[in-house]
Amino acid sequence: MGLTGSRAVVTGASSGIGAATARALAGAGCELVLLGRDEQRLAEVAAATGGRAEPADLTAPDGLAAAVEHARGADLLVHSAGVGWAGPVTAMPPGTAEAMIALNLTAPVLLSTAALDGMRRRGGGHLVFVASIAAVGVRDEEVYAGTKAGVRAFAASLRCAAGPVRVSTVLPGAVRTPFFDTRGRYERGFPRLVEPEAVARAVLRAVRRGRREVFVPGWLGAAARVGGALPGTFERLSQRFG
């Protein structure tokens, strides 16, 4: 799809991947509606990109309802809001799983459903889901991985019936963002952290080329293929390397 003049709605736009994506889309000529919980950071991103800041907590009924209305008018909807938690699943604090499911999975489903209706009536559009390589399964991140696997499956299912609307999923590895403030410190030496701008570039490639799935970095696609073709081998590697 052509990006110049397109109305792009970006969730999680106050920092990290969302903010980087907003900057990239602004450079491509999009008219931006930026959703996020941090009002100050969101205002800064809006000022830098010429976008419209719309503070919204997608885990709260009022915030989600407002975001749904913005999604109805989107030509491009990028889901980059997300939260994580790492550690033994039995040690997860109360409410953590519910919060992850609400933001990482429920919100994208509801916003996409609203956006899809409007896009079909206008004859086209594009939905982009920023998932994670964790969708293939990651030790000590069971709930987070489950939400991202759900997003990936939801996107894949939408492609079967989206009609003129294109659907892309971007699956990055670990990204250098404030995400780890809530998930927990990134302690692995491999794979190395990638920059949010690399993910933003992948979003633009997915939209411009109509890509179904994009991995960042690209070699992570091999992990997904191993997980699908050789689940036993993948499980043993996960147990050893995390």
Protein backbone atom coordinates (compact mmCIF):
# COMPACT_ATOMS: atom_id res chain seq x y z
CA MET A 1 0.00 0.00 0.00
CA GLY A 2 1.08 3.59 -0.52
CA LEU A 3 2.07 5.22 2.73
CA THR A 4 1.98 8.92 1.79
CA GLY A 5 -1.18 10.44 3.25
CA SER A 6 -2.29 7.16 4.85
CA ARG A 7 -3.81 7.36 8.31
CA ALA A 8 -1.61 5.19 10.52
CA VAL A 9 -2.57 4.28 14.08
CA VAL A 10 0.33 3.03 16.23
CA THR A 11 -0.14 1.52 19.68
CA GLY A 12 2.62 1.64 22.28
CA ALA A 13 3.92 4.75 20.53
CA SER A 14 5.35 6.47 23.61
CA SER A 15 8.62 4.51 23.56
CA GLY A 16 10.61 1.63 22.12
CA ILE A 17 9.41 -0.06 18.95
CA GLY A 18 6.23 2.03 18.80
CA ALA A 19 8.12 5.33 18.93
CA ALA A 20 10.67 4.14 16.36
CA THR A 21 7.86 2.97 14.09
CA ALA A 22 6.10 6.32 14.45
CA ARG A 23 9.27 8.12 13.34
CA ALA A 24 9.69 5.78 10.37
CA LEU A 25 6.08 6.17 9.27
CA ALA A 26 6.27 9.94 9.62
CA GLY A 27 9.28 9.89 7.31
CA ALA A 28 7.23 7.87 4.83
CA GLY A 29 4.49 10.51 4.79
CA CYS A 30 1.85 8.96 7.03
CA GLU A 31 -0.66 10.93 9.08
CA LEU A 32 -0.19 9.53 12.56
CA VAL A 33 -2.48 8.80 15.47
CA LEU A 34 -0.29 7.73 18.38
CA LEU A 35 -1.63 5.69 21.29
CA GLY A 36 0.24 5.12 24.54
CA ARG A 37 0.02 5.28 28.32
CA ASP A 38 2.91 7.65 29.07
CA GLU A 39 1.44 11.06 28.27
CA GLN A 40 4.71 13.00 28.46
CA ARG A 41 6.68 10.63 26.25
CA LEU A 42 3.76 10.32 23.85
CA ALA A 43 3.59 14.10 23.51
CA GLU A 44 7.32 14.19 22.75
CA VAL A 45 6.97 11.56 20.02
CA ALA A 46 3.97 13.41 18.58
CA ALA A 47 5.92 16.68 18.50
CA ALA A 48 8.83 14.98 16.73
CA THR A 49 6.66 13.24 14.13
CA GLY A 50 3.79 15.65 13.60
CA GLY A 51 1.40 12.98 14.85
CA ARG A 52 -1.62 13.33 17.11
CA ALA A 53 -1.12 12.05 20.63
CA GLU A 54 -4.07 10.12 22.06
CA PRO A 55 -3.19 8.83 25.56
CA ALA A 56 -4.93 5.52 26.20
CA ASP A 57 -4.49 2.57 28.53
CA LEU A 58 -5.49 -0.43 26.41
CA THR A 59 -6.02 -2.55 29.52
CA ALA A 60 -8.71 -0.19 30.86
CA PRO A 61 -12.27 -0.25 29.44
CA ASP A 62 -12.35 3.49 28.63
CA GLY A 63 -8.92 3.49 27.05
CA LEU A 64 -9.66 0.41 24.99
CA ALA A 65 -12.98 1.83 23.80
CA ALA A 66 -11.30 5.07 22.69
CA ALA A 67 -8.58 3.12 20.88
CA VAL A 68 -11.20 1.02 19.07
CA GLU A 69 -12.76 4.20 17.67
CA HIS A 70 -9.38 5.40 16.40
CA ALA A 71 -8.77 2.00 14.82
CA ARG A 72 -12.01 2.19 12.83
CA GLY A 73 -10.60 4.99 10.69
CA ALA A 74 -7.10 3.56 10.20
CA ASP A 75 -5.61 2.74 6.81
CA LEU A 76 -2.68 1.16 8.66
CA LEU A 77 -2.81 -0.22 12.19
CA VAL A 78 0.45 -1.19 13.90
CA HIS A 79 0.19 -3.14 17.15
CA SER A 80 3.41 -2.50 19.06
CA ALA A 81 2.14 -2.11 22.63
CA GLY A 82 3.24 -4.95 24.87
CA VAL A 83 4.32 -5.99 28.34
CA GLY A 84 6.26 -9.00 29.58
CA TRP A 85 7.43 -10.84 32.66
CA ALA A 86 10.22 -13.39 33.09
CA GLY A 87 10.68 -16.00 35.78
CA PRO A 88 9.11 -19.26 36.97
CA VAL A 89 5.44 -19.17 36.06
CA THR A 90 4.49 -20.23 39.59
CA ALA A 91 6.25 -17.14 40.98
CA MET A 92 4.31 -14.68 38.84
CA PRO A 93 2.71 -11.91 40.95
CA PRO A 94 -1.10 -11.82 41.07
CA GLY A 95 -2.63 -9.99 38.11
CA THR A 96 0.47 -10.20 35.94
CA ALA A 97 -0.87 -12.87 33.60
CA GLU A 98 -4.18 -11.04 33.21
CA ALA A 99 -2.38 -7.78 32.36
CA MET A 100 -0.21 -9.45 29.73
CA ILE A 101 -3.17 -11.17 28.10
CA ALA A 102 -5.20 -7.95 28.08
CA LEU A 103 -2.51 -5.81 26.47
CA ASN A 104 -0.66 -8.31 24.30
CA LEU A 105 -3.60 -10.30 22.96
CA THR A 106 -7.06 -8.97 23.80
CA ALA A 107 -6.36 -5.40 22.69
CA PRO A 108 -4.91 -6.37 19.27
CA VAL A 109 -7.86 -8.68 18.61
CA LEU A 110 -10.45 -6.02 19.41
CA LEU A 111 -8.67 -3.17 17.65
CA SER A 112 -8.03 -5.26 14.55
CA THR A 113 -11.66 -6.35 14.39
CA ALA A 114 -12.76 -2.72 14.42
CA ALA A 115 -10.10 -1.65 11.91
CA LEU A 116 -10.86 -4.54 9.56
CA ASP A 117 -14.48 -3.48 9.23
CA GLY A 118 -13.55 0.06 8.23
CA MET A 119 -10.74 -1.03 5.92
CA ARG A 120 -13.00 -3.41 4.02
CA ARG A 121 -15.60 -0.71 3.49
CA ARG A 122 -12.89 1.61 2.12
CA GLY A 123 -11.46 -1.09 -0.13
CA GLY A 124 -8.17 -1.92 1.60
CA GLY A 125 -5.68 -1.37 4.38
CA HIS A 126 -2.96 -3.10 6.34
CA LEU A 127 -2.72 -4.64 9.82
CA VAL A 128 0.74 -5.13 11.34
CA PHE A 129 1.26 -7.17 14.49
CA VAL A 130 4.56 -6.81 16.33
CA ALA A 131 4.81 -10.24 17.93
CA SER A 132 8.06 -11.84 19.13
CA ILE A 133 10.30 -14.81 18.46
CA ALA A 134 8.99 -15.90 21.87
CA ALA A 135 5.92 -17.06 19.94
CA VAL A 136 7.79 -20.31 19.26
CA GLY A 137 8.14 -20.91 23.03
CA VAL A 138 10.65 -19.53 25.54
CA ARG A 139 11.59 -20.94 28.92
CA ASP A 140 10.55 -18.79 31.90
CA GLU A 141 8.32 -16.60 29.70
CA GLU A 142 5.41 -19.00 29.27
CA VAL A 143 2.55 -16.51 29.51
CA TYR A 144 4.27 -13.85 27.42
CA ALA A 145 5.16 -16.46 24.81
CA GLY A 146 1.57 -17.67 24.85
CA THR A 147 0.21 -14.20 24.14
CA LYS A 148 2.62 -13.72 21.24
CA ALA A 149 1.82 -17.14 19.82
CA GLY A 150 -1.83 -16.18 20.04
CA VAL A 151 -1.16 -12.94 18.12
CA ARG A 152 0.73 -14.85 15.45
CA ALA A 153 -2.06 -17.39 15.05
CA PHE A 154 -4.72 -14.66 15.02
CA ALA A 155 -2.86 -12.79 12.26
CA ALA A 156 -2.37 -15.97 10.23
CA SER A 157 -6.07 -16.76 10.53
CA LEU A 158 -7.09 -13.23 9.51
CA ARG A 159 -5.11 -13.57 6.28
CA CYS A 160 -7.47 -16.32 5.17
CA ALA A 161 -10.47 -13.99 5.15
CA ALA A 162 -9.17 -10.42 5.21
CA GLY A 163 -10.04 -9.80 1.57
CA PRO A 164 -8.46 -6.56 0.37
CA VAL A 165 -6.77 -6.01 3.74
CA ARG A 166 -3.19 -7.18 4.10
CA VAL A 167 -1.93 -8.70 7.34
CA SER A 168 1.73 -8.81 8.44
CA THR A 169 3.45 -10.14 11.53
CA VAL A 170 6.87 -8.89 12.62
CA LEU A 171 8.72 -11.20 15.00
CA PRO A 172 11.78 -9.57 16.59
CA GLY A 173 14.20 -11.11 19.01
CA ALA A 174 15.21 -9.20 22.11
CA VAL A 175 15.02 -5.45 21.47
CA ARG A 176 16.79 -2.66 23.35
CA THR A 177 13.71 -0.89 24.76
CA PRO A 178 12.11 0.03 28.14
CA PHE A 179 10.20 -3.26 27.78
CA PHE A 180 12.77 -4.83 30.09
CA ASP A 181 11.81 -2.42 32.86
CA THR A 182 8.75 -4.61 33.45
CA ARG A 183 9.84 -7.92 31.97
CA GLY A 184 13.10 -8.08 33.90
CA ARG A 185 16.71 -7.47 32.95
CA TYR A 186 17.95 -9.13 29.76
CA GLU A 187 20.68 -11.49 30.91
CA ARG A 188 21.44 -13.59 27.82
CA GLY A 189 24.65 -13.02 25.89
CA PHE A 190 23.05 -14.54 22.79
CA PRO A 191 21.18 -13.46 20.79
CA ARG A 192 22.31 -9.87 21.11
CA LEU A 193 19.81 -7.07 21.57
CA VAL A 194 18.66 -5.34 18.38
CA GLU A 195 17.72 -1.69 18.13
CA PRO A 196 14.04 -0.62 17.88
CA GLU A 197 14.85 1.18 14.61
CA ALA A 198 15.63 -2.20 13.03
CA VAL A 199 12.15 -3.41 13.93
CA ALA A 200 10.62 -0.19 12.60
CA ARG A 201 12.38 -0.73 9.28
CA ALA A 202 10.97 -4.26 9.21
CA VAL A 203 7.48 -2.86 9.71
CA LEU A 204 7.92 -0.58 6.71
CA ARG A 205 9.25 -3.46 4.58
CA ALA A 206 6.29 -5.60 5.55
CA VAL A 207 3.84 -2.89 4.53
CA ARG A 208 5.57 -1.84 1.32
CA ARG A 209 6.18 -5.40 0.11
CA GLY A 210 3.08 -7.07 1.52
CA ARG A 211 5.18 -9.49 3.56
CA ARG A 212 3.31 -12.03 5.67
CA GLU A 213 6.01 -12.57 8.30
CA VAL A 214 9.30 -10.78 8.94
CA PHE A 215 11.89 -11.88 11.50
CA VAL A 216 14.35 -9.41 13.06
CA PRO A 217 17.14 -10.36 12.63
CA GLY A 218 16.28 -12.55 9.67
CA TRP A 219 18.14 -15.66 10.88
CA LEU A 220 15.60 -16.07 13.68
CA GLY A 221 13.26 -17.45 11.04
CA ALA A 222 15.34 -20.63 11.21
CA ALA A 223 14.37 -21.04 14.88
CA ALA A 224 10.71 -20.87 13.94
CA ARG A 225 11.19 -23.47 11.23
CA VAL A 226 13.05 -25.80 13.61
CA GLY A 227 10.29 -25.39 16.17
CA GLY A 228 7.67 -26.38 13.61
CA ALA A 229 9.54 -29.20 11.89
CA LEU A 230 11.53 -30.64 14.80
CA PRO A 231 9.71 -29.79 18.04
CA GLY A 232 11.69 -32.30 20.10
CA THR A 233 15.01 -30.89 18.95
CA PHE A 234 13.76 -27.36 19.56
CA GLU A 235 12.67 -28.25 23.09
CA ARG A 236 16.08 -29.72 23.92
CA LEU A 237 17.85 -26.64 22.56
CA SER A 238 15.51 -24.39 24.57
CA GLN A 239 16.22 -26.31 27.75
CA ARG A 240 19.94 -25.89 27.19
CA PHE A 241 20.13 -22.32 25.88
CA GLY A 242 16.88 -20.73 27.09
